[in-house]
Amino acid sequence: MSEKVYLNGRIIDAAQATVSAANPAFLHGVGLFETLRAYDGRPFLLRQHIERMRASAEKLRLQLGSVLETVPEAVEEVLRANALPQARIRFTVTPPDIDAPENPPTLLVTARPVTGYPPELYERGMTVCICDDHRQSSHDPLAGHKTTSYFARLTAMRQAAERHCGEALWFTPNNLLAEGSISNIFLVRGQDLITPPLDTPVLPGVTRAVVLDVAREAGLTVRQQACTIHDLLDAEEVFLTNAIMEVMPVTRIERHEIGDGRVGPLTRRLRSAYAERVAAGTAGDASPGR
């Protein structure tokens, strides 16, 4: 079966999906997107992803009209059309065409099989590197937002792959730890869970928020505070979060071993707690698109 996508109110073959040559994302990289997972036919934390996009649109003054109200139904339709109970969902919204501001925004929703990460990676931990060429600046108006202007992050990920690493970590111009190219980062020190604060700046990750919540429920001390390279290298455990990888252990920063070089007990504990939250959030009679 050919892949089906939702584009501006219709389910069509992916190969037939087109946008205008005046689309702002095509011309200037102006747009927003969200990525999330569906488990057993149920999108996990869809409302939170929609609200994050809404907040970004307001902050960046992107005129999206009421298009975000149609996202839940669009997601349901595209999951059903592709018969995918387990899926990687992406919805992308771009403002009206530059030469037709009276037109509605463009909404594209895709659902594809979850390729995910190898199970053994969660057992041995990921190796990550430090991003050489890019800095996360609070003066960048796009910092902290998930925009379609993504080339710098793709470049960083390409460099990471060339070094046989799974992620590239970004720092600020003041040499404070920010985030990964596609993930948020957490450090463990004793019973303290530490992550850079949102004003570092970092993306307000939806998965990040869930992990902070389950960590508090587990009785851990949660700190959102500035972190240096020394804090990173001295951490007892390190892990990354995003909707697709969920909770990913990190056991090496390039050649530097984190802790004893094995996946730590708190990382395992929080990974299990996250899985329980997913199960609770997707419970019930599920069918593709629910």
Protein backbone atom coordinates (compact mmCIF):
# COMPACT_ATOMS: atom_id res chain seq x y z
CA MET A 1 0.00 0.00 0.00
CA SER A 2 1.36 3.40 -0.93
CA GLU A 3 1.92 5.94 1.83
CA LYS A 4 -1.00 8.26 2.47
CA VAL A 5 -0.68 11.78 3.86
CA TYR A 6 -3.11 14.42 5.02
CA LEU A 7 -2.72 17.70 3.16
CA ASN A 8 -5.11 20.61 3.67
CA GLY A 9 -8.20 18.56 4.41
CA ARG A 10 -7.61 15.57 2.11
CA ILE A 11 -5.99 12.16 2.35
CA ILE A 12 -3.85 11.64 -0.74
CA ASP A 13 -0.89 9.56 -1.92
CA ALA A 14 2.36 10.97 -0.60
CA ALA A 15 3.74 11.08 -4.14
CA GLN A 16 0.89 13.37 -5.16
CA ALA A 17 1.30 15.85 -2.29
CA THR A 18 2.44 19.27 -3.48
CA VAL A 19 2.62 22.80 -2.08
CA SER A 20 2.71 26.15 -3.82
CA ALA A 21 5.98 27.56 -5.11
CA ALA A 22 5.15 30.57 -2.91
CA ASN A 23 4.95 28.47 0.26
CA PRO A 24 6.96 30.26 3.01
CA ALA A 25 8.60 27.04 4.18
CA PHE A 26 9.81 26.26 0.66
CA LEU A 27 11.10 29.79 0.05
CA HIS A 28 12.42 30.80 3.45
CA GLY A 29 12.14 27.89 5.89
CA VAL A 30 9.21 29.55 7.68
CA GLY A 31 7.03 26.98 9.41
CA LEU A 32 6.61 24.82 12.49
CA PHE A 33 6.50 21.07 12.96
CA GLU A 34 5.96 18.51 15.71
CA THR A 35 6.93 14.86 15.90
CA LEU A 36 5.26 12.34 18.20
CA ARG A 37 4.47 8.66 18.48
CA ALA A 38 1.32 6.62 18.29
CA TYR A 39 1.18 3.50 20.47
CA ASP A 40 -1.52 0.95 19.64
CA GLY A 41 -3.26 3.48 17.46
CA ARG A 42 -3.29 6.26 20.04
CA PRO A 43 -1.18 9.41 19.62
CA PHE A 44 0.72 10.07 22.83
CA LEU A 45 0.52 13.62 24.23
CA LEU A 46 -0.90 15.07 21.03
CA ARG A 47 -2.55 17.96 22.87
CA GLN A 48 0.78 18.98 24.42
CA HIS A 49 2.44 19.00 21.00
CA ILE A 50 -0.35 21.12 19.57
CA GLU A 51 -0.10 23.59 22.45
CA ARG A 52 3.67 23.87 22.04
CA MET A 53 3.19 24.73 18.38
CA ARG A 54 0.49 27.23 19.28
CA ALA A 55 2.83 28.93 21.77
CA SER A 56 5.62 29.09 19.18
CA ALA A 57 3.28 30.55 16.57
CA GLU A 58 2.21 33.29 18.97
CA LYS A 59 5.79 34.07 19.99
CA LEU A 60 7.04 34.13 16.39
CA ARG A 61 3.93 35.98 15.15
CA LEU A 62 3.01 33.33 12.60
CA GLN A 63 -0.59 33.62 11.44
CA LEU A 64 -1.98 30.09 11.65
CA GLY A 65 -5.65 30.93 12.03
CA SER A 66 -7.66 27.97 13.34
CA VAL A 67 -5.68 25.26 11.55
CA LEU A 68 -4.41 23.72 14.78
CA GLU A 69 -7.99 22.85 15.72
CA THR A 70 -8.04 20.39 12.81
CA VAL A 71 -4.87 18.53 13.79
CA PRO A 72 -6.44 15.81 16.00
CA GLU A 73 -8.88 14.76 13.27
CA ALA A 74 -6.13 14.93 10.64
CA VAL A 75 -3.89 12.68 12.74
CA GLU A 76 -6.73 10.20 13.20
CA GLU A 77 -7.42 10.11 9.47
CA VAL A 78 -3.80 9.59 8.44
CA LEU A 79 -3.27 6.82 10.99
CA ARG A 80 -6.36 5.04 9.71
CA ALA A 81 -5.41 5.54 6.06
CA ASN A 82 -1.98 3.98 6.62
CA ALA A 83 -3.24 1.24 9.00
CA LEU A 84 -0.46 2.03 11.45
CA PRO A 85 -1.12 1.31 15.13
CA GLN A 86 2.57 2.03 15.93
CA ALA A 87 3.64 5.14 14.11
CA ARG A 88 5.91 8.14 13.94
CA ILE A 89 3.60 11.10 13.36
CA ARG A 90 4.70 14.48 12.09
CA PHE A 91 2.49 17.49 11.53
CA THR A 92 3.85 20.54 9.76
CA VAL A 93 2.12 23.90 9.51
CA THR A 94 3.25 26.80 7.35
CA PRO A 95 1.73 30.30 7.13
CA PRO A 96 -0.27 31.44 4.09
CA ASP A 97 1.59 31.76 0.79
CA ILE A 98 3.59 34.94 0.46
CA ASP A 99 1.69 36.08 -2.62
CA ALA A 100 -1.73 35.08 -1.20
CA PRO A 101 -1.91 36.09 2.49
CA GLU A 102 -5.68 35.70 2.42
CA ASN A 103 -5.35 31.93 1.89
CA PRO A 104 -5.37 29.49 4.84
CA PRO A 105 -2.14 28.01 6.23
CA THR A 106 -0.85 24.68 4.93
CA LEU A 107 -1.22 21.61 7.15
CA LEU A 108 0.64 18.40 6.27
CA VAL A 109 0.36 15.30 8.48
CA THR A 110 2.36 12.13 7.89
CA ALA A 111 2.40 8.78 9.70
CA ARG A 112 5.16 6.29 9.11
CA PRO A 113 6.34 3.10 10.79
CA VAL A 114 8.49 3.68 13.86
CA THR A 115 12.01 2.64 12.96
CA GLY A 116 13.24 3.74 16.37
CA TYR A 117 16.64 2.80 17.77
CA PRO A 118 18.19 -0.66 18.15
CA PRO A 119 17.19 -2.31 21.46
CA GLU A 120 20.85 -3.04 22.23
CA LEU A 121 21.56 0.70 22.22
CA TYR A 122 19.37 1.09 25.29
CA GLU A 123 21.45 -1.63 26.98
CA ARG A 124 24.92 -0.35 26.13
CA GLY A 125 24.16 3.36 25.87
CA MET A 126 24.71 5.91 23.12
CA THR A 127 27.94 7.71 22.29
CA VAL A 128 27.46 11.42 21.60
CA CYS A 129 29.77 14.24 20.54
CA ILE A 130 30.13 17.97 21.12
CA CYS A 131 28.85 20.13 18.28
CA ASP A 132 31.85 21.98 16.82
CA ASP A 133 30.38 24.59 14.51
CA HIS A 134 27.15 25.77 16.12
CA ARG A 135 26.18 27.59 19.28
CA GLN A 136 22.73 27.91 20.83
CA SER A 137 22.23 31.64 21.43
CA SER A 138 19.42 33.31 23.37
CA HIS A 139 19.60 36.05 20.73
CA ASP A 140 18.45 33.63 18.04
CA PRO A 141 14.68 34.23 17.65
CA LEU A 142 14.20 30.59 16.62
CA ALA A 143 15.88 29.13 19.72
CA GLY A 144 13.44 27.13 21.80
CA HIS A 145 11.05 26.61 18.86
CA LYS A 146 10.63 23.62 16.55
CA THR A 147 10.81 25.31 13.16
CA THR A 148 11.28 24.02 9.64
CA SER A 149 14.54 26.01 9.52
CA TYR A 150 16.43 22.86 10.50
CA PHE A 151 19.54 22.78 8.34
CA ALA A 152 22.03 23.60 11.11
CA ARG A 153 20.75 20.70 13.20
CA LEU A 154 20.83 18.31 10.28
CA THR A 155 24.42 19.38 9.61
CA ALA A 156 25.34 18.70 13.23
CA MET A 157 23.71 15.27 13.06
CA ARG A 158 25.65 14.49 9.88
CA GLN A 159 28.88 15.39 11.65
CA ALA A 160 27.89 13.19 14.58
CA ALA A 161 27.27 10.24 12.26
CA GLU A 162 30.68 10.74 10.68
CA ARG A 163 32.18 10.38 14.16
CA HIS A 164 30.09 7.25 14.83
CA CYS A 165 27.97 9.14 17.36
CA GLY A 166 24.20 9.16 17.72
CA GLU A 167 23.74 12.80 18.71
CA ALA A 168 25.57 16.15 18.79
CA LEU A 169 25.35 18.32 21.91
CA TRP A 170 24.96 22.10 21.65
CA PHE A 171 26.42 24.69 24.01
CA THR A 172 25.70 28.40 24.31
CA PRO A 173 28.19 31.18 23.41
CA ASN A 174 28.88 31.33 27.18
CA ASN A 175 29.80 27.62 27.13
CA LEU A 176 26.74 26.39 28.98
CA LEU A 177 25.23 23.04 28.04
CA ALA A 178 22.00 23.50 26.08
CA GLU A 179 20.59 20.38 24.38
CA GLY A 180 21.13 17.83 21.67
CA SER A 181 20.42 18.54 18.02
CA ILE A 182 17.17 16.56 18.29
CA SER A 183 16.87 15.93 22.02
CA ASN A 184 16.89 17.33 25.54
CA ILE A 185 19.63 16.25 27.93
CA PHE A 186 19.63 15.18 31.58
CA LEU A 187 22.45 14.60 34.05
CA VAL A 188 22.33 12.48 37.20
CA ARG A 189 24.35 13.32 40.29
CA GLY A 190 23.49 11.20 43.33
CA GLN A 191 19.71 11.40 43.66
CA ASP A 192 19.58 14.70 41.77
CA LEU A 193 18.25 14.91 38.24
CA ILE A 194 19.62 17.99 36.47
CA THR A 195 18.67 19.51 33.14
CA PRO A 196 19.39 22.92 31.55
CA PRO A 197 16.60 25.46 32.19
CA LEU A 198 14.35 26.62 29.38
CA ASP A 199 15.96 30.07 29.29
CA THR A 200 19.35 28.52 28.39
CA PRO A 201 17.61 28.47 25.77
CA VAL A 202 16.38 24.96 25.00
CA LEU A 203 13.31 23.47 23.36
CA PRO A 204 10.54 22.89 25.93
CA GLY A 205 10.43 19.19 25.11
CA VAL A 206 7.15 17.38 25.66
CA THR A 207 9.03 14.20 26.60
CA ARG A 208 11.33 16.32 28.80
CA ALA A 209 8.28 17.53 30.74
CA VAL A 210 7.01 13.97 31.27
CA VAL A 211 10.41 12.81 32.53
CA LEU A 212 10.58 15.72 34.98
CA ASP A 213 7.12 14.78 36.21
CA VAL A 214 7.82 11.06 36.70
CA ALA A 215 11.16 11.89 38.35
CA ARG A 216 9.38 14.03 40.95
CA GLU A 217 6.85 11.24 41.50
CA ALA A 218 9.77 8.86 42.07
CA GLY A 219 11.11 11.10 44.82
CA LEU A 220 14.12 12.43 42.95
CA THR A 221 15.34 15.98 43.45
CA VAL A 222 14.81 17.76 40.15
CA ARG A 223 16.98 20.76 39.29
CA GLN A 224 16.74 22.94 36.23
CA GLN A 225 20.05 24.74 36.34
CA ALA A 226 22.93 25.94 34.20
CA CYS A 227 25.43 23.19 33.40
CA THR A 228 29.02 23.42 32.17
CA ILE A 229 31.14 20.95 30.27
CA HIS A 230 32.60 19.90 33.63
CA ASP A 231 29.13 19.13 34.98
CA LEU A 232 28.51 17.01 31.91
CA LEU A 233 31.77 15.07 32.10
CA ASP A 234 31.52 14.59 35.88
CA ALA A 235 27.95 13.30 35.78
CA GLU A 236 27.28 9.82 37.13
CA GLU A 237 24.67 9.22 34.43
CA VAL A 238 23.52 11.05 31.31
CA PHE A 239 20.49 10.46 29.14
CA LEU A 240 18.61 12.11 26.27
CA THR A 241 14.89 12.45 25.63
CA ASN A 242 12.60 12.98 22.67
CA ALA A 243 9.32 11.49 21.51
CA ILE A 244 10.92 8.82 19.31
CA MET A 245 13.92 7.75 21.40
CA GLU A 246 11.95 8.20 24.67
CA VAL A 247 14.70 7.89 27.32
CA MET A 248 18.08 7.15 25.73
CA PRO A 249 21.09 6.35 27.94
CA VAL A 250 24.40 8.03 27.10
CA THR A 251 27.53 6.21 28.24
CA ARG A 252 30.23 8.09 26.31
CA ILE A 253 30.90 11.70 25.34
CA GLU A 254 33.23 11.05 22.41
CA ARG A 255 36.14 9.21 24.14
CA HIS A 256 35.10 10.16 27.66
CA GLU A 257 33.28 7.46 29.61
CA ILE A 258 30.29 8.53 31.72
CA GLY A 259 30.36 7.01 35.20
CA ASP A 260 31.46 3.40 34.94
CA GLY A 261 30.57 3.25 31.25
CA ARG A 262 27.34 1.36 31.82
CA VAL A 263 23.71 2.40 31.77
CA GLY A 264 22.95 3.74 35.23
CA PRO A 265 20.19 2.63 37.61
CA LEU A 266 18.30 5.94 37.63
CA THR A 267 18.27 6.05 33.85
CA ARG A 268 16.78 2.56 33.78
CA ARG A 269 14.28 3.51 36.46
CA LEU A 270 13.12 6.62 34.60
CA ARG A 271 12.93 4.73 31.31
CA SER A 272 10.59 2.23 32.96
CA ALA A 273 8.55 5.01 34.56
CA TYR A 274 8.20 6.70 31.18
CA ALA A 275 7.00 3.43 29.63
CA GLU A 276 4.38 3.17 32.39
CA ARG A 277 3.23 6.70 31.66
CA VAL A 278 2.90 5.82 27.96
CA ALA A 279 0.85 2.73 28.83
CA ALA A 280 -1.42 4.77 31.10
CA GLY A 281 -1.80 7.51 28.50
CA THR A 282 -2.74 5.14 25.69
CA ALA A 283 -4.88 2.66 27.60
CA GLY A 284 -8.32 1.57 26.43
CA ASP A 285 -9.88 0.12 23.31
CA ALA A 286 -7.46 1.28 20.64
CA SER A 287 -7.87 1.21 16.95
CA PRO A 288 -5.71 2.92 14.33
CA GLY A 289 -6.33 6.64 14.56
CA ARG A 290 -7.78 6.72 18.10
